Amino acid sequence: MGLLSFKDVGIDLGTANILVAIKGKGIVYDEPSVIAINRKKEQVIAIGNEAKEMIGKTPDGIEAVRPLKDGVIADYTATGLLLKEILTRVCKKYAIGRPRVVVGVPSGITEVEERAVEEAILRSGAKEVYLIEEPMSAAIGASIDIAEPSGNIVIDIGGGTTEVAVISLGGIVVSESIRIAGDELTEDIIEYVRRELNLAVGEQTAEQIKTKIGCALPLMTEITLKVKGRDLTTGLPREEVLSSTQTEIAMRESIWKIVDTIKTALEKTPPELSSDIMEKGIILTGGGALIKNLDKLLSIETGMPVFIAENPLECVVKGTEKTLENIEKLRNILVNSQKRRS
């Protein structure tokens, strides 16, 4: 066995979090997709959780950024530095040479965006790069038998994109992708608090609101959260109490856009597969799957049972790891089955 079994690395290159798995070892890295850099020197100051703590607090010359937007690379330099740092740490810790890498990417990705991801990972020290569409990877990670001749529908709600895919016989039959997901919902909360409460809150505060009291339908028992921010009139710090009903109103428009995207995919689904889906239901993956009552709303709107995958945040990266274990068998599902060598 030696080091050979640890030569392969799977990456979920998420807008909100980057997860890394090593074949046969499981998830070895799971931190926010944030990097703090000294732009003048192109020097990495911090990555992940440490860098996230610096957002909005950095002095001149140092910038804490999220280099991925809507599931793709928005800041090429920062993404390259972040990936290089992550892969260096992982490869050093687990004594890996130049690994073969499988990366989950949005299904709506363009060829230019595809190449940007490949090049960034090859420059980070990978030997070969394969891309897999996130909903396919999420389906594999959620233990769905993608090869069977019947329909399965997976909805992966990440940080930057919501991906809807109907899968049958090892391929995606119907696919819809919308660049509205967790980040957009966070923005909705920031905007709502600003507009309705005259309070400026940061991204991290809005994210906490979304995680703790965010819901897609009103809760049976309303919950509240104390929120600290800056009064937009006086400029002084102020505390407000926000309710789950208010967050539901704040996120409503974006959530309905996601619902409409799912309905569009269902309308395009061949009748033979629709009956399978009716029977099996919808599988929800990604961080968005954890928004309270989203499964209920989707069930009401589609008339189908909706199930949240086990550990929905980990489905895409687990799918990349499982793909590495069966790469020859699953080669046809990879976006770029050609080997790209640096």
C-alpha atoms as a PDB file:
ATOM      1  CA  MET A   1       0.000   0.000   0.000  1.00  0.00           C
ATOM      2  CA  GLY A   2       2.579   2.566   1.133  1.00  0.00           C
ATOM      3  CA  LEU A   3       1.765   6.120   0.099  1.00  0.00           C
ATOM      4  CA  LEU A   4       0.011   5.067  -3.107  1.00  0.00           C
ATOM      5  CA  SER A   5      -3.438   4.871  -1.501  1.00  0.00           C
ATOM      6  CA  PHE A   6      -3.116   8.484  -0.405  1.00  0.00           C
ATOM      7  CA  LYS A   7      -2.184   9.949  -3.798  1.00  0.00           C
ATOM      8  CA  ASP A   8      -5.694  11.141  -4.645  1.00  0.00           C
ATOM      9  CA  VAL A   9      -7.415  14.238  -3.309  1.00  0.00           C
ATOM     10  CA  GLY A  10     -11.041  15.355  -3.666  1.00  0.00           C
ATOM     11  CA  ILE A  11     -11.996  19.030  -3.313  1.00  0.00           C
ATOM     12  CA  ASP A  12     -15.341  20.751  -2.874  1.00  0.00           C
ATOM     13  CA  LEU A  13     -14.373  24.222  -4.049  1.00  0.00           C
ATOM     14  CA  GLY A  14     -17.284  25.954  -2.361  1.00  0.00           C
ATOM     15  CA  THR A  15     -18.048  29.662  -2.301  1.00  0.00           C
ATOM     16  CA  ALA A  16     -18.564  29.513   1.473  1.00  0.00           C
ATOM     17  CA  ASN A  17     -16.323  26.592   2.501  1.00  0.00           C
ATOM     18  CA  ILE A  18     -13.571  24.514   0.944  1.00  0.00           C
ATOM     19  CA  LEU A  19     -13.539  20.850   1.915  1.00  0.00           C
ATOM     20  CA  VAL A  20     -10.744  18.433   1.084  1.00  0.00           C
ATOM     21  CA  ALA A  21     -10.870  14.635   1.294  1.00  0.00           C
ATOM     22  CA  ILE A  22      -8.094  12.111   0.750  1.00  0.00           C
ATOM     23  CA  LYS A  23      -8.987   8.803  -0.845  1.00  0.00           C
ATOM     24  CA  GLY A  24      -9.267   6.205   1.903  1.00  0.00           C
ATOM     25  CA  LYS A  25      -8.827   8.787   4.656  1.00  0.00           C
ATOM     26  CA  GLY A  26     -11.994  10.910   4.493  1.00  0.00           C
ATOM     27  CA  ILE A  27     -12.338  14.663   5.069  1.00  0.00           C
ATOM     28  CA  VAL A  28      -9.059  16.231   6.193  1.00  0.00           C
ATOM     29  CA  TYR A  29      -9.820  19.943   5.695  1.00  0.00           C
ATOM     30  CA  ASP A  30     -13.066  21.888   6.161  1.00  0.00           C
ATOM     31  CA  GLU A  31     -12.747  25.652   6.557  1.00  0.00           C
ATOM     32  CA  PRO A  32     -14.250  28.864   5.125  1.00  0.00           C
ATOM     33  CA  SER A  33     -13.170  29.894   1.594  1.00  0.00           C
ATOM     34  CA  VAL A  34     -11.409  32.993   2.901  1.00  0.00           C
ATOM     35  CA  ILE A  35      -7.831  34.204   2.593  1.00  0.00           C
ATOM     36  CA  ALA A  36      -6.071  37.177   4.168  1.00  0.00           C
ATOM     37  CA  ILE A  37      -3.248  38.459   1.983  1.00  0.00           C
ATOM     38  CA  ASN A  38      -0.722  41.227   1.743  1.00  0.00           C
ATOM     39  CA  ARG A  39      -1.511  42.377  -1.811  1.00  0.00           C
ATOM     40  CA  LYS A  40       1.792  44.200  -2.350  1.00  0.00           C
ATOM     41  CA  LYS A  41       3.902  41.165  -1.514  1.00  0.00           C
ATOM     42  CA  GLU A  42       1.290  38.556  -2.589  1.00  0.00           C
ATOM     43  CA  GLN A  43       1.972  36.996   0.769  1.00  0.00           C
ATOM     44  CA  VAL A  44      -0.525  34.772   2.619  1.00  0.00           C
ATOM     45  CA  ILE A  45      -1.281  36.054   6.127  1.00  0.00           C
ATOM     46  CA  ALA A  46      -4.017  33.558   7.052  1.00  0.00           C
ATOM     47  CA  ILE A  47      -6.566  31.183   5.520  1.00  0.00           C
ATOM     48  CA  GLY A  48      -9.843  29.559   6.574  1.00  0.00           C
ATOM     49  CA  ASN A  49     -11.311  30.271  10.008  1.00  0.00           C
ATOM     50  CA  GLU A  50      -8.402  32.513  10.984  1.00  0.00           C
ATOM     51  CA  ALA A  51      -8.855  34.650   7.853  1.00  0.00           C
ATOM     52  CA  LYS A  52     -12.653  34.764   8.275  1.00  0.00           C
ATOM     53  CA  GLU A  53     -12.217  36.345  11.699  1.00  0.00           C
ATOM     54  CA  MET A  54     -10.310  39.158   9.963  1.00  0.00           C
ATOM     55  CA  ILE A  55     -13.084  40.141   7.497  1.00  0.00           C
ATOM     56  CA  GLY A  56     -13.896  43.810   7.929  1.00  0.00           C
ATOM     57  CA  LYS A  57     -11.129  44.252  10.528  1.00  0.00           C
ATOM     58  CA  THR A  58      -7.888  44.363   8.532  1.00  0.00           C
ATOM     59  CA  PRO A  59      -5.410  47.280   8.553  1.00  0.00           C
ATOM     60  CA  ASP A  60      -4.155  48.950   5.364  1.00  0.00           C
ATOM     61  CA  GLY A  61      -2.157  46.659   3.128  1.00  0.00           C
ATOM     62  CA  ILE A  62      -3.854  43.462   4.296  1.00  0.00           C
ATOM     63  CA  GLU A  63      -7.056  42.233   2.712  1.00  0.00           C
ATOM     64  CA  ALA A  64      -9.340  39.403   3.880  1.00  0.00           C
ATOM     65  CA  VAL A  65     -11.298  38.192   0.845  1.00  0.00           C
ATOM     66  CA  ARG A  66     -13.608  35.441  -0.389  1.00  0.00           C
ATOM     67  CA  PRO A  67     -12.005  34.717  -3.775  1.00  0.00           C
ATOM     68  CA  LEU A  68     -14.858  32.516  -5.026  1.00  0.00           C
ATOM     69  CA  LYS A  69     -18.208  33.937  -6.064  1.00  0.00           C
ATOM     70  CA  ASP A  70     -21.259  32.041  -7.305  1.00  0.00           C
ATOM     71  CA  GLY A  71     -19.278  28.801  -7.180  1.00  0.00           C
ATOM     72  CA  VAL A  72     -16.531  30.029  -9.516  1.00  0.00           C
ATOM     73  CA  ILE A  73     -13.243  31.935  -9.290  1.00  0.00           C
ATOM     74  CA  ALA A  74     -13.768  35.692  -8.924  1.00  0.00           C
ATOM     75  CA  ASP A  75     -10.239  36.602  -7.785  1.00  0.00           C
ATOM     76  CA  TYR A  76      -7.726  34.457  -9.634  1.00  0.00           C
ATOM     77  CA  THR A  77      -4.620  35.502  -7.667  1.00  0.00           C
ATOM     78  CA  ALA A  78      -6.258  35.006  -4.256  1.00  0.00           C
ATOM     79  CA  THR A  79      -7.791  31.653  -5.274  1.00  0.00           C
ATOM     80  CA  GLY A  80      -4.434  30.412  -6.514  1.00  0.00           C
ATOM     81  CA  LEU A  81      -2.721  31.411  -3.266  1.00  0.00           C
ATOM     82  CA  LEU A  82      -5.519  29.867  -1.161  1.00  0.00           C
ATOM     83  CA  LEU A  83      -5.501  26.536  -3.026  1.00  0.00           C
ATOM     84  CA  LYS A  84      -1.706  26.356  -2.980  1.00  0.00           C
ATOM     85  CA  GLU A  85      -1.675  26.952   0.785  1.00  0.00           C
ATOM     86  CA  ILE A  86      -4.402  24.342   1.430  1.00  0.00           C
ATOM     87  CA  LEU A  87      -2.846  21.673  -0.809  1.00  0.00           C
ATOM     88  CA  THR A  88       0.633  22.357   0.602  1.00  0.00           C
ATOM     89  CA  ARG A  89      -0.648  21.887   4.164  1.00  0.00           C
ATOM     90  CA  VAL A  90      -2.644  18.741   3.326  1.00  0.00           C
ATOM     91  CA  CYS A  91       0.122  17.156   1.217  1.00  0.00           C
ATOM     92  CA  LYS A  92       2.751  17.924   3.864  1.00  0.00           C
ATOM     93  CA  LYS A  93       0.650  16.565   6.734  1.00  0.00           C
ATOM     94  CA  TYR A  94      -0.201  13.325   4.907  1.00  0.00           C
ATOM     95  CA  ALA A  95       3.091  12.943   3.011  1.00  0.00           C
ATOM     96  CA  ILE A  96       1.525  13.159  -0.446  1.00  0.00           C
ATOM     97  CA  GLY A  97       3.549  14.008  -3.535  1.00  0.00           C
ATOM     98  CA  ARG A  98       1.731  15.574  -6.488  1.00  0.00           C
ATOM     99  CA  PRO A  99      -1.826  14.289  -6.182  1.00  0.00           C
ATOM    100  CA  ARG A 100      -4.527  13.475  -8.680  1.00  0.00           C
ATOM    101  CA  VAL A 101      -7.418  15.831  -7.859  1.00  0.00           C
ATOM    102  CA  VAL A 102     -11.176  15.595  -8.452  1.00  0.00           C
ATOM    103  CA  VAL A 103     -12.998  18.920  -7.959  1.00  0.00           C
ATOM    104  CA  GLY A 104     -16.711  19.598  -7.644  1.00  0.00           C
ATOM    105  CA  VAL A 105     -17.828  22.512  -9.876  1.00  0.00           C
ATOM    106  CA  PRO A 106     -21.261  24.069 -10.602  1.00  0.00           C
ATOM    107  CA  SER A 107     -23.135  22.469 -13.508  1.00  0.00           C
ATOM    108  CA  GLY A 108     -23.628  25.899 -15.124  1.00  0.00           C
ATOM    109  CA  ILE A 109     -19.861  26.525 -15.333  1.00  0.00           C
ATOM    110  CA  THR A 110     -18.468  27.972 -18.587  1.00  0.00           C
ATOM    111  CA  GLU A 111     -15.412  26.599 -20.410  1.00  0.00           C
ATOM    112  CA  VAL A 112     -13.409  29.664 -19.370  1.00  0.00           C
ATOM    113  CA  GLU A 113     -14.369  29.115 -15.710  1.00  0.00           C
ATOM    114  CA  GLU A 114     -13.547  25.398 -16.087  1.00  0.00           C
ATOM    115  CA  ARG A 115     -10.045  26.209 -17.328  1.00  0.00           C
ATOM    116  CA  ALA A 116      -9.526  28.738 -14.524  1.00  0.00           C
ATOM    117  CA  VAL A 117     -10.303  26.047 -11.912  1.00  0.00           C
ATOM    118  CA  GLU A 118      -8.046  23.484 -13.612  1.00  0.00           C
ATOM    119  CA  GLU A 119      -5.121  25.886 -13.966  1.00  0.00           C
ATOM    120  CA  ALA A 120      -5.425  27.132 -10.375  1.00  0.00           C
ATOM    121  CA  ILE A 121      -5.277  23.548  -9.064  1.00  0.00           C
ATOM    122  CA  LEU A 122      -2.467  22.451 -11.394  1.00  0.00           C
ATOM    123  CA  ARG A 123      -0.425  25.474 -10.295  1.00  0.00           C
ATOM    124  CA  SER A 124      -1.079  24.515  -6.691  1.00  0.00           C
ATOM    125  CA  GLY A 125       0.893  21.305  -7.237  1.00  0.00           C
ATOM    126  CA  ALA A 126      -1.607  18.755  -8.601  1.00  0.00           C
ATOM    127  CA  LYS A 127      -0.478  16.240 -11.207  1.00  0.00           C
ATOM    128  CA  GLU A 128      -3.890  15.744 -12.851  1.00  0.00           C
ATOM    129  CA  VAL A 129      -7.246  17.505 -12.448  1.00  0.00           C
ATOM    130  CA  TYR A 130     -10.717  16.128 -13.083  1.00  0.00           C
ATOM    131  CA  LEU A 131     -13.928  18.125 -12.750  1.00  0.00           C
ATOM    132  CA  ILE A 132     -17.256  16.694 -11.615  1.00  0.00           C
ATOM    133  CA  GLU A 133     -20.565  18.528 -11.555  1.00  0.00           C
ATOM    134  CA  GLU A 134     -21.595  19.299  -7.981  1.00  0.00           C
ATOM    135  CA  PRO A 135     -25.081  17.722  -8.075  1.00  0.00           C
ATOM    136  CA  MET A 136     -23.597  14.489  -9.475  1.00  0.00           C
ATOM    137  CA  SER A 137     -20.898  14.506  -6.804  1.00  0.00           C
ATOM    138  CA  ALA A 138     -23.521  15.315  -4.133  1.00  0.00           C
ATOM    139  CA  ALA A 139     -25.655  12.376  -5.336  1.00  0.00           C
ATOM    140  CA  ILE A 140     -22.672  10.003  -5.086  1.00  0.00           C
ATOM    141  CA  GLY A 141     -21.805  11.456  -1.664  1.00  0.00           C
ATOM    142  CA  ALA A 142     -25.418  10.966  -0.514  1.00  0.00           C
ATOM    143  CA  SER A 143     -25.099   7.248  -1.418  1.00  0.00           C
ATOM    144  CA  ILE A 144     -27.515   7.371  -4.363  1.00  0.00           C
ATOM    145  CA  ASP A 145     -26.936   4.629  -6.929  1.00  0.00           C
ATOM    146  CA  ILE A 146     -26.417   6.911  -9.926  1.00  0.00           C
ATOM    147  CA  ALA A 147     -26.026   3.997 -12.369  1.00  0.00           C
ATOM    148  CA  GLU A 148     -29.509   2.535 -11.926  1.00  0.00           C
ATOM    149  CA  PRO A 149     -32.009   3.004 -14.788  1.00  0.00           C
ATOM    150  CA  SER A 150     -34.438   5.084 -12.747  1.00  0.00           C
ATOM    151  CA  GLY A 151     -34.687   8.776 -11.892  1.00  0.00           C
ATOM    152  CA  ASN A 152     -33.273  10.517  -8.850  1.00  0.00           C
ATOM    153  CA  ILE A 153     -33.434  14.252  -8.203  1.00  0.00           C
ATOM    154  CA  VAL A 154     -30.792  16.050  -6.168  1.00  0.00           C
ATOM    155  CA  ILE A 155     -30.878  19.703  -5.124  1.00  0.00           C
ATOM    156  CA  ASP A 156     -27.543  21.034  -3.913  1.00  0.00           C
ATOM    157  CA  ILE A 157     -27.868  24.457  -2.261  1.00  0.00           C
ATOM    158  CA  GLY A 158     -24.357  25.738  -1.627  1.00  0.00           C
ATOM    159  CA  GLY A 159     -22.974  29.177  -0.865  1.00  0.00           C
ATOM    160  CA  GLY A 160     -22.943  30.548  -4.415  1.00  0.00           C
ATOM    161  CA  THR A 161     -25.187  28.306  -6.499  1.00  0.00           C
ATOM    162  CA  THR A 162     -28.263  26.122  -6.272  1.00  0.00           C
ATOM    163  CA  GLU A 163     -27.926  23.095  -8.526  1.00  0.00           C
ATOM    164  CA  VAL A 164     -30.869  20.910  -9.499  1.00  0.00           C
ATOM    165  CA  ALA A 165     -30.169  17.646 -11.317  1.00  0.00           C
ATOM    166  CA  VAL A 166     -32.257  14.692 -12.420  1.00  0.00           C
ATOM    167  CA  ILE A 167     -29.910  11.724 -12.628  1.00  0.00           C
ATOM    168  CA  SER A 168     -30.409   8.371 -14.357  1.00  0.00           C
ATOM    169  CA  LEU A 169     -28.082   5.706 -15.817  1.00  0.00           C
ATOM    170  CA  GLY A 170     -24.967   7.490 -14.587  1.00  0.00           C
ATOM    171  CA  GLY A 171     -25.748  10.782 -16.298  1.00  0.00           C
ATOM    172  CA  ILE A 172     -27.541  14.075 -15.724  1.00  0.00           C
ATOM    173  CA  VAL A 173     -30.783  14.036 -17.730  1.00  0.00           C
ATOM    174  CA  VAL A 174     -32.085  17.451 -16.651  1.00  0.00           C
ATOM    175  CA  SER A 175     -30.018  20.161 -15.025  1.00  0.00           C
ATOM    176  CA  GLU A 176     -30.876  23.651 -13.778  1.00  0.00           C
ATOM    177  CA  SER A 177     -28.457  26.006 -12.045  1.00  0.00           C
ATOM    178  CA  ILE A 178     -29.162  29.374 -10.441  1.00  0.00           C
ATOM    179  CA  ARG A 179     -26.614  31.692  -8.869  1.00  0.00           C
ATOM    180  CA  ILE A 180     -28.831  32.246  -5.848  1.00  0.00           C
ATOM    181  CA  ALA A 181     -27.972  30.276  -2.713  1.00  0.00           C
ATOM    182  CA  GLY A 182     -26.632  30.745   0.820  1.00  0.00           C
ATOM    183  CA  ASP A 183     -24.617  33.923   0.116  1.00  0.00           C
ATOM    184  CA  GLU A 184     -27.602  35.606  -1.501  1.00  0.00           C
ATOM    185  CA  LEU A 185     -29.760  34.767   1.532  1.00  0.00           C
ATOM    186  CA  THR A 186     -27.107  36.322   3.803  1.00  0.00           C
ATOM    187  CA  GLU A 187     -27.173  39.466   1.628  1.00  0.00           C
ATOM    188  CA  ASP A 188     -30.988  39.531   1.854  1.00  0.00           C
ATOM    189  CA  ILE A 189     -30.743  39.582   5.653  1.00  0.00           C
ATOM    190  CA  ILE A 190     -28.149  42.415   5.630  1.00  0.00           C
ATOM    191  CA  GLU A 191     -30.405  44.434   3.310  1.00  0.00           C
ATOM    192  CA  TYR A 192     -33.569  43.740   5.347  1.00  0.00           C
ATOM    193  CA  VAL A 193     -31.942  44.746   8.667  1.00  0.00           C
ATOM    194  CA  ARG A 194     -30.605  47.923   7.024  1.00  0.00           C
ATOM    195  CA  ARG A 195     -33.972  48.811   5.471  1.00  0.00           C
ATOM    196  CA  GLU A 196     -36.366  47.808   8.249  1.00  0.00           C
ATOM    197  CA  LEU A 197     -34.294  48.357  11.396  1.00  0.00           C
ATOM    198  CA  ASN A 198     -31.970  51.122  10.177  1.00  0.00           C
ATOM    199  CA  LEU A 199     -29.065  48.972  11.361  1.00  0.00           C
ATOM    200  CA  ALA A 200     -25.852  48.048   9.566  1.00  0.00           C
ATOM    201  CA  VAL A 201     -24.690  44.484  10.295  1.00  0.00           C
ATOM    202  CA  GLY A 202     -21.701  42.604   8.915  1.00  0.00           C
ATOM    203  CA  GLU A 203     -21.618  39.425   6.874  1.00  0.00           C
ATOM    204  CA  GLN A 204     -20.747  37.208   9.852  1.00  0.00           C
ATOM    205  CA  THR A 205     -23.658  38.558  11.925  1.00  0.00           C
ATOM    206  CA  ALA A 206     -26.074  38.011   9.013  1.00  0.00           C
ATOM    207  CA  GLU A 207     -24.752  34.470   8.574  1.00  0.00           C
ATOM    208  CA  GLN A 208     -25.429  33.748  12.265  1.00  0.00           C
ATOM    209  CA  ILE A 209     -28.973  35.095  11.889  1.00  0.00           C
ATOM    210  CA  LYS A 210     -29.530  32.817   8.872  1.00  0.00           C
ATOM    211  CA  THR A 211     -28.135  29.744  10.634  1.00  0.00           C
ATOM    212  CA  LYS A 212     -29.870  30.258  13.974  1.00  0.00           C
ATOM    213  CA  ILE A 213     -33.291  31.674  13.101  1.00  0.00           C
ATOM    214  CA  GLY A 214     -33.533  31.592   9.284  1.00  0.00           C
ATOM    215  CA  CYS A 215     -36.583  29.733   7.954  1.00  0.00           C
ATOM    216  CA  ALA A 216     -38.431  29.191   4.662  1.00  0.00           C
ATOM    217  CA  LEU A 217     -41.874  28.984   6.315  1.00  0.00           C
ATOM    218  CA  PRO A 218     -42.986  30.511   9.651  1.00  0.00           C
ATOM    219  CA  LEU A 219     -42.007  28.294  12.589  1.00  0.00           C
ATOM    220  CA  MET A 220     -44.608  26.779  14.942  1.00  0.00           C
ATOM    221  CA  THR A 221     -42.907  28.672  17.776  1.00  0.00           C
ATOM    222  CA  GLU A 222     -41.226  31.914  16.800  1.00  0.00           C
ATOM    223  CA  ILE A 223     -37.598  32.287  17.873  1.00  0.00           C
ATOM    224  CA  THR A 224     -35.597  35.489  18.282  1.00  0.00           C
ATOM    225  CA  LEU A 225     -31.985  36.591  18.282  1.00  0.00           C
ATOM    226  CA  LYS A 226     -30.246  39.675  19.680  1.00  0.00           C
ATOM    227  CA  VAL A 227     -28.391  41.426  16.890  1.00  0.00           C
ATOM    228  CA  LYS A 228     -25.637  44.015  17.324  1.00  0.00           C
ATOM    229  CA  GLY A 229     -24.830  46.526  14.619  1.00  0.00           C
ATOM    230  CA  ARG A 230     -24.278  50.192  13.822  1.00  0.00           C
ATOM    231  CA  ASP A 231     -27.189  52.621  13.906  1.00  0.00           C
ATOM    232  CA  LEU A 232     -27.335  54.211  10.460  1.00  0.00           C
ATOM    233  CA  THR A 233     -28.591  57.537  11.836  1.00  0.00           C
ATOM    234  CA  THR A 234     -26.301  58.090  14.828  1.00  0.00           C
ATOM    235  CA  GLY A 235     -23.359  55.938  13.719  1.00  0.00           C
ATOM    236  CA  LEU A 236     -23.282  54.406  17.218  1.00  0.00           C
ATOM    237  CA  PRO A 237     -23.488  50.721  18.168  1.00  0.00           C
ATOM    238  CA  ARG A 238     -27.040  49.471  18.819  1.00  0.00           C
ATOM    239  CA  GLU A 239     -28.704  46.152  19.672  1.00  0.00           C
ATOM    240  CA  GLU A 240     -31.981  44.933  18.177  1.00  0.00           C
ATOM    241  CA  VAL A 241     -34.045  41.758  18.541  1.00  0.00           C
ATOM    242  CA  LEU A 242     -34.767  39.972  15.258  1.00  0.00           C
ATOM    243  CA  SER A 243     -37.425  37.262  14.900  1.00  0.00           C
ATOM    244  CA  SER A 244     -37.562  34.133  12.750  1.00  0.00           C
ATOM    245  CA  THR A 245     -40.652  35.615  11.025  1.00  0.00           C
ATOM    246  CA  GLN A 246     -38.581  38.636   9.982  1.00  0.00           C
ATOM    247  CA  THR A 247     -35.820  36.429   8.542  1.00  0.00           C
ATOM    248  CA  GLU A 248     -38.440  34.428   6.617  1.00  0.00           C
ATOM    249  CA  ILE A 249     -39.686  37.716   5.083  1.00  0.00           C
ATOM    250  CA  ALA A 250     -36.090  38.845   4.381  1.00  0.00           C
ATOM    251  CA  MET A 251     -35.199  35.649   2.478  1.00  0.00           C
ATOM    252  CA  ARG A 252     -38.589  35.007   0.858  1.00  0.00           C
ATOM    253  CA  GLU A 253     -37.898  36.390  -2.621  1.00  0.00           C
ATOM    254  CA  SER A 254     -34.640  34.462  -3.103  1.00  0.00           C
ATOM    255  CA  ILE A 255     -36.118  31.247  -1.700  1.00  0.00           C
ATOM    256  CA  TRP A 256     -38.997  31.482  -4.178  1.00  0.00           C
ATOM    257  CA  LYS A 257     -36.509  31.890  -7.032  1.00  0.00           C
ATOM    258  CA  ILE A 258     -34.926  28.616  -5.883  1.00  0.00           C
ATOM    259  CA  VAL A 259     -38.389  26.972  -5.748  1.00  0.00           C
ATOM    260  CA  ASP A 260     -39.138  28.172  -9.302  1.00  0.00           C
ATOM    261  CA  THR A 261     -35.823  26.745 -10.557  1.00  0.00           C
ATOM    262  CA  ILE A 262     -36.716  23.348  -9.048  1.00  0.00           C
ATOM    263  CA  LYS A 263     -40.177  23.478 -10.677  1.00  0.00           C
ATOM    264  CA  THR A 264     -38.572  24.291 -14.055  1.00  0.00           C
ATOM    265  CA  ALA A 265     -36.345  21.202 -13.756  1.00  0.00           C
ATOM    266  CA  LEU A 266     -39.350  19.021 -12.849  1.00  0.00           C
ATOM    267  CA  GLU A 267     -41.313  20.337 -15.842  1.00  0.00           C
ATOM    268  CA  LYS A 268     -38.436  19.314 -18.152  1.00  0.00           C
ATOM    269  CA  THR A 269     -38.173  15.813 -16.658  1.00  0.00           C
ATOM    270  CA  PRO A 270     -39.288  12.933 -18.927  1.00  0.00           C
ATOM    271  CA  PRO A 271     -42.556  11.320 -17.660  1.00  0.00           C
ATOM    272  CA  GLU A 272     -40.884   7.917 -17.078  1.00  0.00           C
ATOM    273  CA  LEU A 273     -38.413   9.500 -14.679  1.00  0.00           C
ATOM    274  CA  SER A 274     -41.067  11.734 -13.060  1.00  0.00           C
ATOM    275  CA  SER A 275     -42.890   8.688 -11.713  1.00  0.00           C
ATOM    276  CA  ASP A 276     -39.621   7.388 -10.166  1.00  0.00           C
ATOM    277  CA  ILE A 277     -39.006  10.774  -8.555  1.00  0.00           C
ATOM    278  CA  MET A 278     -42.559  10.933  -7.184  1.00  0.00           C
ATOM    279  CA  GLU A 279     -41.902   7.611  -5.483  1.00  0.00           C
ATOM    280  CA  LYS A 280     -38.385   8.307  -4.172  1.00  0.00           C
ATOM    281  CA  GLY A 281     -38.700  12.027  -3.457  1.00  0.00           C
ATOM    282  CA  ILE A 282     -36.210  14.865  -3.597  1.00  0.00           C
ATOM    283  CA  ILE A 283     -32.797  14.727  -1.902  1.00  0.00           C
ATOM    284  CA  LEU A 284     -31.497  18.021  -0.471  1.00  0.00           C
ATOM    285  CA  THR A 285     -27.763  18.566  -0.026  1.00  0.00           C
ATOM    286  CA  GLY A 286     -25.494  21.545   0.727  1.00  0.00           C
ATOM    287  CA  GLY A 287     -25.638  24.068   3.569  1.00  0.00           C
ATOM    288  CA  GLY A 288     -28.943  25.487   2.336  1.00  0.00           C
ATOM    289  CA  ALA A 289     -30.598  22.145   3.106  1.00  0.00           C
ATOM    290  CA  LEU A 290     -30.343  23.106   6.787  1.00  0.00           C
ATOM    291  CA  ILE A 291     -32.587  26.189   6.518  1.00  0.00           C
ATOM    292  CA  LYS A 292     -35.523  25.462   8.777  1.00  0.00           C
ATOM    293  CA  ASN A 293     -38.720  24.367   6.995  1.00  0.00           C
ATOM    294  CA  LEU A 294     -37.172  24.510   3.511  1.00  0.00           C
ATOM    295  CA  ASP A 295     -37.888  20.793   3.088  1.00  0.00           C
ATOM    296  CA  LYS A 296     -41.531  21.422   4.089  1.00  0.00           C
ATOM    297  CA  LEU A 297     -41.910  24.313   1.647  1.00  0.00           C
ATOM    298  CA  LEU A 298     -40.450  22.255  -1.220  1.00  0.00           C
ATOM    299  CA  SER A 299     -42.703  19.314  -0.357  1.00  0.00           C
ATOM    300  CA  ILE A 300     -45.801  21.565  -0.410  1.00  0.00           C
ATOM    301  CA  GLU A 301     -44.789  23.215  -3.697  1.00  0.00           C
ATOM    302  CA  THR A 302     -43.791  20.040  -5.569  1.00  0.00           C
ATOM    303  CA  GLY A 303     -46.203  17.579  -3.974  1.00  0.00           C
ATOM    304  CA  MET A 304     -43.272  15.216  -3.351  1.00  0.00           C
ATOM    305  CA  PRO A 305     -41.522  13.900  -0.261  1.00  0.00           C
ATOM    306  CA  VAL A 306     -38.298  15.814   0.460  1.00  0.00           C
ATOM    307  CA  PHE A 307     -35.374  14.303   2.363  1.00  0.00           C
ATOM    308  CA  ILE A 308     -32.321  16.059   3.764  1.00  0.00           C
ATOM    309  CA  ALA A 309     -29.174  14.020   3.096  1.00  0.00           C
ATOM    310  CA  GLU A 310     -27.094  12.879   6.038  1.00  0.00           C
ATOM    311  CA  ASN A 311     -24.365  15.517   6.663  1.00  0.00           C
ATOM    312  CA  PRO A 312     -25.586  17.648   3.710  1.00  0.00           C
ATOM    313  CA  LEU A 313     -22.549  19.970   3.894  1.00  0.00           C
ATOM    314  CA  GLU A 314     -20.201  17.048   3.203  1.00  0.00           C
ATOM    315  CA  CYS A 315     -22.013  15.365   0.283  1.00  0.00           C
ATOM    316  CA  VAL A 316     -20.057  17.012  -2.559  1.00  0.00           C
ATOM    317  CA  VAL A 317     -16.610  16.325  -1.072  1.00  0.00           C
ATOM    318  CA  LYS A 318     -17.599  12.750  -0.124  1.00  0.00           C
ATOM    319  CA  GLY A 319     -18.730  12.318  -3.723  1.00  0.00           C
ATOM    320  CA  THR A 320     -15.305  13.417  -5.010  1.00  0.00           C
ATOM    321  CA  GLU A 321     -13.645  10.892  -2.680  1.00  0.00           C
ATOM    322  CA  LYS A 322     -15.929   8.054  -3.847  1.00  0.00           C
ATOM    323  CA  THR A 323     -15.293   9.068  -7.474  1.00  0.00           C
ATOM    324  CA  LEU A 324     -11.548   8.735  -6.888  1.00  0.00           C
ATOM    325  CA  GLU A 325     -12.098   5.234  -5.529  1.00  0.00           C
ATOM    326  CA  ASN A 326     -13.840   4.232  -8.787  1.00  0.00           C
ATOM    327  CA  ILE A 327     -12.280   6.679 -11.239  1.00  0.00           C
ATOM    328  CA  GLU A 328     -12.020   4.249 -14.166  1.00  0.00           C
ATOM    329  CA  LYS A 329     -15.644   3.164 -13.770  1.00  0.00           C
ATOM    330  CA  LEU A 330     -16.910   6.750 -13.294  1.00  0.00           C
ATOM    331  CA  ARG A 331     -14.683   8.433 -15.895  1.00  0.00           C
ATOM    332  CA  ASN A 332     -17.695   9.136 -18.157  1.00  0.00           C
ATOM    333  CA  ILE A 333     -19.320  11.406 -15.529  1.00  0.00           C
ATOM    334  CA  LEU A 334     -16.292  13.699 -15.305  1.00  0.00           C
ATOM    335  CA  VAL A 335     -16.653  17.032 -17.092  1.00  0.00           C
ATOM    336  CA  ASN A 336     -13.127  16.828 -18.487  1.00  0.00           C
ATOM    337  CA  SER A 337     -12.252  13.163 -18.794  1.00  0.00           C
ATOM    338  CA  GLN A 338      -9.049  14.163 -20.598  1.00  0.00           C
ATOM    339  CA  LYS A 339      -6.052  14.149 -18.275  1.00  0.00           C
ATOM    340  CA  ARG A 340      -4.692  17.665 -17.864  1.00  0.00           C
ATOM    341  CA  ARG A 341      -1.033  17.611 -16.983  1.00  0.00           C
ATOM    342  CA  SER A 342       0.979  20.560 -15.789  1.00  0.00           C
END
